[in-house]
Amino acid sequence: MAGLNKAILIGRIGRDPQIREFESGVKQVTFSLATTESYRDSSGNWVDQTEWHYIVGYRYLAEKSFAKGDMVYVEGKIRTRKYTDQNGMDKYITEIIADKINILLRKNAMTSGPYDAPPPPEPPATVQSTTTPVADNNTPAADTGNPAADNTAADLPASDGTDDLPF
């Protein structure tokens, strides 16, 4: 049985990508990518845990224009390779060999720090509902006057089990 080696990452580029061209004409791009997870510790404080990934892309991926601080989507496979350093010591490096690199957000499009996501858009001041919400037992629920509570499945058109999506 064959295995699956697939990595999907969304993060920020940590340094400007380095591009080099081999004698064969094939281009290579390399850069570091930071992915950060946030969680609450036992004291209830938010903790950020950042992992750094080494990304390598070839051919058309090396022709894309991205820079330090851009948020990107990377899809590829995990590879660990061995090399010998200047002192003759064996070293190992784990890298993501990218199949896809898509820019999600440019650094210059952000309004906050270089590794913070931009603030979400402001919600509308009021939401008007033209239908009466339906309770779980399929009887009309009382109007609470709370616009957020009025945004229920009753606002969606009835479905006959088919959809009109093109895919």
N, C-alpha and C. Protein backbone atom coordinates (compact mmCIF):
# COMPACT_ATOMS: atom_id res chain seq x y z
N MET A 1 0.84 -1.18 0.00
CA MET A 1 0.00 0.00 0.00
C MET A 1 0.89 1.24 0.00
N ALA A 2 0.58 2.17 -0.85
CA ALA A 2 1.35 3.42 -0.96
C ALA A 2 0.92 4.39 0.13
N GLY A 3 1.81 5.28 0.50
CA GLY A 3 1.51 6.27 1.52
C GLY A 3 1.18 7.62 0.88
N LEU A 4 0.88 8.55 1.71
CA LEU A 4 0.57 9.91 1.26
C LEU A 4 1.48 10.88 1.98
N ASN A 5 2.14 11.73 1.24
CA ASN A 5 3.03 12.75 1.79
C ASN A 5 2.55 14.08 1.26
N LYS A 6 1.76 14.79 2.07
CA LYS A 6 1.20 16.06 1.63
C LYS A 6 1.22 17.04 2.79
N ALA A 7 1.70 18.25 2.50
CA ALA A 7 1.72 19.31 3.50
C ALA A 7 0.94 20.49 2.94
N ILE A 8 0.09 21.08 3.78
CA ILE A 8 -0.65 22.29 3.43
C ILE A 8 -0.38 23.29 4.54
N LEU A 9 0.17 24.44 4.17
CA LEU A 9 0.54 25.46 5.14
C LEU A 9 -0.02 26.81 4.71
N ILE A 10 -0.42 27.60 5.67
CA ILE A 10 -0.77 29.00 5.45
C ILE A 10 0.02 29.78 6.47
N GLY A 11 0.83 30.71 5.98
CA GLY A 11 1.67 31.48 6.89
C GLY A 11 2.26 32.68 6.21
N ARG A 12 3.16 33.33 6.92
CA ARG A 12 3.81 34.54 6.42
C ARG A 12 5.26 34.24 6.05
N ILE A 13 5.68 34.82 4.93
CA ILE A 13 7.05 34.65 4.47
C ILE A 13 7.97 35.41 5.42
N GLY A 14 9.01 34.73 5.92
CA GLY A 14 9.88 35.30 6.93
C GLY A 14 11.07 36.07 6.39
N ARG A 15 11.44 35.83 5.15
CA ARG A 15 12.53 36.59 4.51
C ARG A 15 12.23 36.62 3.02
N ASP A 16 12.79 37.63 2.35
CA ASP A 16 12.57 37.71 0.90
C ASP A 16 13.03 36.42 0.24
N PRO A 17 12.22 35.90 -0.67
CA PRO A 17 12.59 34.65 -1.35
C PRO A 17 13.90 34.80 -2.13
N GLN A 18 14.68 33.73 -2.12
CA GLN A 18 15.94 33.67 -2.86
C GLN A 18 15.69 32.85 -4.13
N ILE A 19 16.10 33.39 -5.27
CA ILE A 19 15.90 32.69 -6.54
C ILE A 19 17.26 32.40 -7.15
N ARG A 20 17.41 31.18 -7.62
CA ARG A 20 18.64 30.83 -8.32
C ARG A 20 18.28 30.01 -9.54
N GLU A 21 19.16 30.07 -10.53
CA GLU A 21 18.94 29.33 -11.77
C GLU A 21 20.07 28.34 -11.95
N PHE A 22 19.71 27.09 -12.24
CA PHE A 22 20.68 26.04 -12.45
C PHE A 22 21.20 26.10 -13.90
N GLU A 23 22.28 25.42 -14.17
CA GLU A 23 22.84 25.39 -15.51
C GLU A 23 21.84 24.89 -16.54
N SER A 24 20.94 24.03 -16.11
CA SER A 24 19.93 23.47 -17.02
C SER A 24 18.85 24.50 -17.38
N GLY A 25 18.84 25.65 -16.69
CA GLY A 25 17.82 26.67 -16.94
C GLY A 25 16.66 26.60 -15.97
N VAL A 26 16.60 25.56 -15.14
CA VAL A 26 15.53 25.42 -14.15
C VAL A 26 15.77 26.40 -13.02
N LYS A 27 14.71 27.13 -12.65
CA LYS A 27 14.81 28.09 -11.55
C LYS A 27 14.30 27.46 -10.26
N GLN A 28 14.88 27.92 -9.14
CA GLN A 28 14.49 27.46 -7.82
C GLN A 28 14.25 28.67 -6.93
N VAL A 29 13.19 28.63 -6.14
CA VAL A 29 12.91 29.67 -5.16
C VAL A 29 12.91 29.01 -3.77
N THR A 30 13.52 29.69 -2.80
CA THR A 30 13.51 29.21 -1.42
C THR A 30 13.16 30.36 -0.50
N PHE A 31 12.43 30.06 0.56
CA PHE A 31 12.11 31.05 1.58
C PHE A 31 11.66 30.35 2.85
N SER A 32 11.68 31.08 3.94
CA SER A 32 11.18 30.54 5.21
C SER A 32 9.74 31.00 5.38
N LEU A 33 8.94 30.16 6.01
CA LEU A 33 7.53 30.44 6.23
C LEU A 33 7.20 30.23 7.70
N ALA A 34 6.56 31.22 8.31
CA ALA A 34 6.15 31.12 9.71
C ALA A 34 4.67 30.79 9.78
N THR A 35 4.36 29.74 10.53
CA THR A 35 2.96 29.43 10.84
C THR A 35 2.81 29.57 12.35
N THR A 36 1.74 30.21 12.78
CA THR A 36 1.54 30.47 14.20
C THR A 36 0.19 29.94 14.65
N GLU A 37 0.20 29.19 15.73
CA GLU A 37 -1.03 28.71 16.37
C GLU A 37 -1.17 29.44 17.70
N SER A 38 -2.39 29.80 18.03
CA SER A 38 -2.66 30.44 19.32
C SER A 38 -3.54 29.54 20.15
N TYR A 39 -3.25 29.48 21.43
CA TYR A 39 -4.06 28.69 22.35
C TYR A 39 -3.99 29.34 23.73
N ARG A 40 -4.91 28.93 24.59
CA ARG A 40 -4.91 29.41 25.97
C ARG A 40 -4.20 28.39 26.85
N ASP A 41 -3.30 28.89 27.71
CA ASP A 41 -2.61 28.00 28.63
C ASP A 41 -3.49 27.73 29.85
N SER A 42 -2.99 26.99 30.80
CA SER A 42 -3.79 26.62 31.97
C SER A 42 -4.18 27.82 32.82
N SER A 43 -3.47 28.94 32.66
CA SER A 43 -3.80 30.17 33.40
C SER A 43 -4.81 31.03 32.65
N GLY A 44 -5.19 30.62 31.43
CA GLY A 44 -6.14 31.39 30.64
C GLY A 44 -5.49 32.45 29.77
N ASN A 45 -4.16 32.51 29.74
CA ASN A 45 -3.45 33.48 28.92
C ASN A 45 -3.25 32.95 27.51
N TRP A 46 -3.35 33.83 26.52
CA TRP A 46 -3.11 33.43 25.14
C TRP A 46 -1.63 33.24 24.91
N VAL A 47 -1.28 32.13 24.26
CA VAL A 47 0.10 31.80 23.93
C VAL A 47 0.18 31.57 22.42
N ASP A 48 1.17 32.20 21.78
CA ASP A 48 1.41 31.98 20.35
C ASP A 48 2.57 31.02 20.21
N GLN A 49 2.39 30.01 19.37
CA GLN A 49 3.45 29.05 19.09
C GLN A 49 3.75 29.11 17.60
N THR A 50 4.95 29.57 17.25
CA THR A 50 5.33 29.74 15.86
C THR A 50 6.29 28.63 15.43
N GLU A 51 6.00 28.05 14.28
CA GLU A 51 6.86 27.05 13.65
C GLU A 51 7.42 27.66 12.37
N TRP A 52 8.67 27.37 12.08
CA TRP A 52 9.30 27.86 10.86
C TRP A 52 9.51 26.69 9.90
N HIS A 53 9.17 26.92 8.64
CA HIS A 53 9.27 25.89 7.61
C HIS A 53 10.15 26.42 6.47
N TYR A 54 10.93 25.54 5.89
CA TYR A 54 11.80 25.90 4.78
C TYR A 54 11.09 25.45 3.50
N ILE A 55 10.75 26.39 2.63
CA ILE A 55 9.97 26.11 1.42
C ILE A 55 10.89 26.16 0.20
N VAL A 56 10.74 25.18 -0.69
CA VAL A 56 11.50 25.12 -1.94
C VAL A 56 10.51 24.91 -3.08
N GLY A 57 10.62 25.74 -4.11
CA GLY A 57 9.77 25.60 -5.30
C GLY A 57 10.63 25.66 -6.54
N TYR A 58 10.15 25.05 -7.61
CA TYR A 58 10.91 25.00 -8.85
C TYR A 58 10.07 25.52 -10.02
N ARG A 59 10.76 25.84 -11.08
CA ARG A 59 10.21 26.25 -12.36
C ARG A 59 9.29 27.46 -12.23
N TYR A 60 8.03 27.32 -12.61
CA TYR A 60 7.10 28.47 -12.63
C TYR A 60 6.88 29.07 -11.25
N LEU A 61 7.07 28.30 -10.18
CA LEU A 61 6.89 28.85 -8.84
C LEU A 61 7.96 29.90 -8.53
N ALA A 62 9.13 29.76 -9.15
CA ALA A 62 10.23 30.72 -8.94
C ALA A 62 9.98 32.02 -9.69
N GLU A 63 8.98 32.05 -10.55
CA GLU A 63 8.69 33.26 -11.31
C GLU A 63 7.60 34.10 -10.65
N LYS A 64 7.00 33.59 -9.59
CA LYS A 64 5.97 34.36 -8.88
C LYS A 64 6.63 35.49 -8.10
N SER A 65 5.88 36.55 -7.90
CA SER A 65 6.41 37.72 -7.20
C SER A 65 5.81 37.80 -5.81
N PHE A 66 6.58 37.44 -4.79
CA PHE A 66 6.15 37.60 -3.41
C PHE A 66 7.33 38.04 -2.57
N ALA A 67 7.02 38.53 -1.37
CA ALA A 67 8.08 39.14 -0.55
C ALA A 67 7.86 38.84 0.92
N LYS A 68 8.86 39.19 1.70
CA LYS A 68 8.79 39.03 3.16
C LYS A 68 7.52 39.68 3.68
N GLY A 69 6.81 38.96 4.56
CA GLY A 69 5.60 39.48 5.18
C GLY A 69 4.32 39.09 4.46
N ASP A 70 4.40 38.67 3.19
CA ASP A 70 3.20 38.24 2.47
C ASP A 70 2.66 36.97 3.10
N MET A 71 1.33 36.86 3.16
CA MET A 71 0.69 35.63 3.61
C MET A 71 0.46 34.75 2.38
N VAL A 72 0.92 33.50 2.46
CA VAL A 72 0.81 32.59 1.33
C VAL A 72 0.24 31.24 1.75
N TYR A 73 -0.35 30.58 0.78
CA TYR A 73 -0.82 29.21 0.89
C TYR A 73 0.21 28.35 0.17
N VAL A 74 0.73 27.34 0.84
CA VAL A 74 1.73 26.45 0.23
C VAL A 74 1.21 25.02 0.33
N GLU A 75 1.30 24.33 -0.78
CA GLU A 75 0.93 22.92 -0.81
C GLU A 75 2.09 22.16 -1.42
N GLY A 76 2.48 21.07 -0.78
CA GLY A 76 3.61 20.31 -1.29
C GLY A 76 3.84 19.05 -0.50
N LYS A 77 5.08 18.56 -0.54
CA LYS A 77 5.42 17.34 0.19
C LYS A 77 6.63 17.60 1.09
N ILE A 78 6.70 16.86 2.17
CA ILE A 78 7.77 17.00 3.15
C ILE A 78 8.95 16.12 2.72
N ARG A 79 10.14 16.72 2.71
CA ARG A 79 11.35 15.98 2.37
C ARG A 79 12.41 16.28 3.41
N THR A 80 13.12 15.26 3.83
CA THR A 80 14.29 15.43 4.68
C THR A 80 15.48 14.95 3.88
N ARG A 81 16.49 15.80 3.81
CA ARG A 81 17.69 15.42 3.07
C ARG A 81 18.92 15.60 3.94
N LYS A 82 19.95 14.88 3.57
CA LYS A 82 21.21 14.91 4.31
C LYS A 82 22.25 15.64 3.48
N TYR A 83 23.06 16.45 4.16
CA TYR A 83 24.19 17.10 3.49
C TYR A 83 25.36 17.16 4.46
N THR A 84 26.52 17.46 3.93
CA THR A 84 27.74 17.57 4.75
C THR A 84 28.13 19.03 4.84
N ASP A 85 28.31 19.54 6.07
CA ASP A 85 28.66 20.96 6.25
C ASP A 85 30.15 21.18 5.99
N GLN A 86 30.60 22.42 6.18
CA GLN A 86 31.98 22.81 5.90
C GLN A 86 33.00 22.04 6.75
N ASN A 87 32.56 21.59 7.92
CA ASN A 87 33.45 20.85 8.83
C ASN A 87 33.40 19.34 8.61
N GLY A 88 32.69 18.90 7.58
CA GLY A 88 32.59 17.47 7.30
C GLY A 88 31.55 16.75 8.13
N MET A 89 30.73 17.49 8.86
CA MET A 89 29.68 16.89 9.70
C MET A 89 28.42 16.66 8.87
N ASP A 90 27.78 15.51 9.08
CA ASP A 90 26.51 15.24 8.42
C ASP A 90 25.41 16.06 9.08
N LYS A 91 24.62 16.72 8.26
CA LYS A 91 23.48 17.53 8.74
C LYS A 91 22.23 17.08 7.98
N TYR A 92 21.08 17.33 8.59
CA TYR A 92 19.81 17.01 7.98
C TYR A 92 18.94 18.26 7.94
N ILE A 93 18.18 18.40 6.89
CA ILE A 93 17.26 19.52 6.77
C ILE A 93 15.92 18.99 6.28
N THR A 94 14.85 19.47 6.90
CA THR A 94 13.51 19.11 6.47
C THR A 94 12.93 20.31 5.75
N GLU A 95 12.41 20.08 4.56
CA GLU A 95 11.87 21.16 3.75
C GLU A 95 10.56 20.73 3.11
N ILE A 96 9.80 21.73 2.69
CA ILE A 96 8.56 21.47 1.96
C ILE A 96 8.87 21.74 0.49
N ILE A 97 8.72 20.71 -0.34
CA ILE A 97 8.89 20.87 -1.78
C ILE A 97 7.52 21.26 -2.32
N ALA A 98 7.38 22.53 -2.69
CA ALA A 98 6.08 23.09 -3.04
C ALA A 98 5.61 22.66 -4.43
N ASP A 99 4.33 22.33 -4.50
CA ASP A 99 3.64 22.11 -5.78
C ASP A 99 2.83 23.36 -6.14
N LYS A 100 2.33 24.05 -5.10
CA LYS A 100 1.53 25.26 -5.28
C LYS A 100 1.98 26.30 -4.27
N ILE A 101 2.03 27.54 -4.71
CA ILE A 101 2.24 28.67 -3.81
C ILE A 101 1.29 29.76 -4.28
N ASN A 102 0.32 30.10 -3.45
CA ASN A 102 -0.64 31.15 -3.79
C ASN A 102 -0.54 32.28 -2.78
N ILE A 103 -0.50 33.50 -3.27
CA ILE A 103 -0.45 34.67 -2.40
C ILE A 103 -1.86 34.94 -1.91
N LEU A 104 -2.02 35.01 -0.59
CA LEU A 104 -3.32 35.30 0.00
C LEU A 104 -3.46 36.77 0.38
N LEU A 105 -2.37 37.36 0.86
CA LEU A 105 -2.41 38.75 1.32
C LEU A 105 -1.02 39.34 1.23
N ARG A 106 -0.93 40.48 0.59
CA ARG A 106 0.36 41.17 0.47
C ARG A 106 0.64 41.93 1.75
N LYS A 107 1.91 42.00 2.14
CA LYS A 107 2.31 42.72 3.35
C LYS A 107 1.84 44.17 3.30
N ASN A 108 2.00 44.82 2.16
CA ASN A 108 1.63 46.23 2.06
C ASN A 108 0.12 46.45 2.10
N ALA A 109 -0.68 45.37 2.05
CA ALA A 109 -2.13 45.50 2.14
C ALA A 109 -2.61 45.45 3.59
N MET A 110 -1.69 45.19 4.52
CA MET A 110 -2.06 45.04 5.92
C MET A 110 -2.04 46.38 6.63
N THR A 111 -2.83 46.46 7.70
CA THR A 111 -2.89 47.69 8.49
C THR A 111 -2.28 47.52 9.86
N SER A 112 -1.76 46.31 10.15
CA SER A 112 -1.19 46.06 11.47
C SER A 112 0.24 45.57 11.31
N GLY A 113 0.79 44.96 12.35
CA GLY A 113 2.17 44.52 12.35
C GLY A 113 2.46 43.49 11.29
N PRO A 114 3.75 43.19 11.05
CA PRO A 114 4.12 42.32 9.94
C PRO A 114 3.67 40.87 10.09
N TYR A 115 3.35 40.41 11.28
CA TYR A 115 2.92 39.03 11.44
C TYR A 115 1.52 38.93 12.01
N ASP A 116 0.78 40.03 12.03
CA ASP A 116 -0.59 40.03 12.51
C ASP A 116 -1.53 40.06 11.32
N ALA A 117 -2.61 39.35 11.43
CA ALA A 117 -3.62 39.41 10.37
C ALA A 117 -4.32 40.76 10.45
N PRO A 118 -4.80 41.27 9.31
CA PRO A 118 -5.50 42.54 9.36
C PRO A 118 -6.80 42.39 10.13
N PRO A 119 -7.32 43.48 10.68
CA PRO A 119 -8.55 43.37 11.43
C PRO A 119 -9.70 42.97 10.52
N PRO A 120 -10.67 42.20 11.03
CA PRO A 120 -11.79 41.80 10.19
C PRO A 120 -12.64 43.03 9.85
N PRO A 121 -13.39 42.96 8.75
CA PRO A 121 -14.23 44.10 8.39
C PRO A 121 -15.30 44.31 9.46
N GLU A 122 -15.71 45.56 9.61
CA GLU A 122 -16.75 45.88 10.57
C GLU A 122 -18.07 45.29 10.12
N PRO A 123 -18.85 44.69 11.03
CA PRO A 123 -20.16 44.17 10.64
C PRO A 123 -21.12 45.33 10.41
N PRO A 124 -22.18 45.10 9.64
CA PRO A 124 -23.16 46.17 9.44
C PRO A 124 -23.77 46.59 10.77
N ALA A 125 -24.18 47.85 10.84
CA ALA A 125 -24.72 48.38 12.10
C ALA A 125 -25.99 47.66 12.50
N THR A 126 -26.86 47.40 11.57
CA THR A 126 -28.09 46.67 11.87
C THR A 126 -28.35 45.67 10.77
N VAL A 127 -29.00 44.57 11.12
CA VAL A 127 -29.38 43.55 10.17
C VAL A 127 -30.89 43.45 10.20
N GLN A 128 -31.51 43.62 9.07
CA GLN A 128 -32.96 43.53 8.98
C GLN A 128 -33.35 42.18 8.41
N SER A 129 -34.23 41.48 9.07
CA SER A 129 -34.72 40.21 8.60
C SER A 129 -36.15 40.38 8.14
N THR A 130 -36.50 39.79 6.99
CA THR A 130 -37.85 39.91 6.46
C THR A 130 -38.67 38.67 6.73
N THR A 131 -38.09 37.67 7.39
CA THR A 131 -38.82 36.45 7.69
C THR A 131 -38.86 36.24 9.19
N THR A 132 -39.78 35.39 9.60
CA THR A 132 -39.88 35.04 11.02
C THR A 132 -39.04 33.80 11.26
N PRO A 133 -38.16 33.83 12.26
CA PRO A 133 -37.34 32.64 12.53
C PRO A 133 -38.21 31.44 12.90
N VAL A 134 -37.71 30.25 12.58
CA VAL A 134 -38.43 29.03 12.87
C VAL A 134 -37.70 28.31 13.99
N ALA A 135 -38.44 27.88 15.01
CA ALA A 135 -37.85 27.14 16.12
C ALA A 135 -37.58 25.71 15.68
N ASP A 136 -36.89 24.96 16.53
CA ASP A 136 -36.52 23.59 16.18
C ASP A 136 -37.72 22.69 15.92
N ASN A 137 -38.85 22.97 16.51
CA ASN A 137 -40.02 22.11 16.33
C ASN A 137 -40.90 22.58 15.17
N ASN A 138 -40.33 23.40 14.26
CA ASN A 138 -41.00 23.88 13.06
C ASN A 138 -42.20 24.78 13.33
N THR A 139 -42.27 25.38 14.50
CA THR A 139 -43.29 26.39 14.77
C THR A 139 -42.58 27.73 14.82
N PRO A 140 -43.25 28.81 14.37
CA PRO A 140 -42.59 30.11 14.40
C PRO A 140 -42.13 30.47 15.80
N ALA A 141 -40.91 30.98 15.87
CA ALA A 141 -40.36 31.41 17.16
C ALA A 141 -40.79 32.84 17.43
N ALA A 142 -40.75 33.21 18.68
CA ALA A 142 -41.10 34.58 19.05
C ALA A 142 -40.02 35.51 18.55
N ASP A 143 -40.41 36.69 18.07
CA ASP A 143 -39.46 37.69 17.61
C ASP A 143 -38.80 38.30 18.83
N THR A 144 -37.50 38.14 18.91
CA THR A 144 -36.77 38.62 20.09
C THR A 144 -36.32 40.05 19.92
N GLY A 145 -36.39 40.56 18.69
CA GLY A 145 -35.89 41.92 18.45
C GLY A 145 -34.39 41.96 18.31
N ASN A 146 -33.74 40.83 18.47
CA ASN A 146 -32.29 40.76 18.34
C ASN A 146 -31.95 40.39 16.90
N PRO A 147 -31.36 41.32 16.11
CA PRO A 147 -31.09 41.01 14.71
C PRO A 147 -30.19 39.79 14.53
N ALA A 148 -29.25 39.57 15.44
CA ALA A 148 -28.37 38.41 15.31
C ALA A 148 -29.15 37.12 15.49
N ALA A 149 -30.14 37.11 16.35
CA ALA A 149 -30.94 35.92 16.58
C ALA A 149 -31.87 35.65 15.40
N ASP A 150 -32.19 36.67 14.60
CA ASP A 150 -33.08 36.51 13.46
C ASP A 150 -32.38 35.88 12.26
N ASN A 151 -31.09 35.74 12.29
CA ASN A 151 -30.33 35.20 11.17
C ASN A 151 -30.29 33.68 11.30
N THR A 152 -31.37 32.99 10.90
CA THR A 152 -31.48 31.55 11.08
C THR A 152 -31.67 30.86 9.75
N ALA A 153 -31.84 29.55 9.79
CA ALA A 153 -32.04 28.76 8.59
C ALA A 153 -33.34 29.14 7.89
N ALA A 154 -34.27 29.75 8.57
CA ALA A 154 -35.52 30.16 7.94
C ALA A 154 -35.27 31.23 6.89
N ASP A 155 -34.17 31.94 6.99
CA ASP A 155 -33.85 32.97 6.01
C ASP A 155 -33.39 32.37 4.69
N LEU A 156 -33.06 31.09 4.68
CA LEU A 156 -32.58 30.44 3.47
C LEU A 156 -33.75 29.91 2.66
N PRO A 157 -33.62 29.89 1.33
CA PRO A 157 -34.70 29.35 0.51
C PRO A 157 -34.85 27.86 0.75
N ALA A 158 -36.07 27.36 0.55
CA ALA A 158 -36.34 25.94 0.73
C ALA A 158 -35.57 25.14 -0.32
N SER A 159 -35.13 23.96 0.03
CA SER A 159 -34.36 23.15 -0.88
C SER A 159 -35.10 21.85 -1.15
N ASP A 160 -35.09 21.45 -2.42
CA ASP A 160 -35.73 20.19 -2.78
C ASP A 160 -34.69 19.06 -2.89
N GLY A 161 -33.48 19.30 -2.39
CA GLY A 161 -32.42 18.31 -2.42
C GLY A 161 -31.48 18.47 -3.59
N THR A 162 -31.85 19.30 -4.56
CA THR A 162 -30.95 19.57 -5.68
C THR A 162 -30.40 20.97 -5.50
N ASP A 163 -29.30 21.24 -6.15
CA ASP A 163 -28.76 22.59 -6.11
C ASP A 163 -28.48 23.06 -7.52
N ASP A 164 -28.24 24.35 -7.64
CA ASP A 164 -27.98 24.90 -8.95
C ASP A 164 -26.52 25.34 -9.07
N LEU A 165 -25.65 24.74 -8.26
CA LEU A 165 -24.23 25.09 -8.31
C LEU A 165 -23.61 24.51 -9.56
N PRO A 166 -22.71 25.24 -10.19
CA PRO A 166 -22.11 24.76 -11.45
C PRO A 166 -21.03 23.70 -11.26
N PHE A 167 -20.72 23.30 -10.04
CA PHE A 167 -19.69 22.31 -9.80
C PHE A 167 -20.13 21.29 -8.80
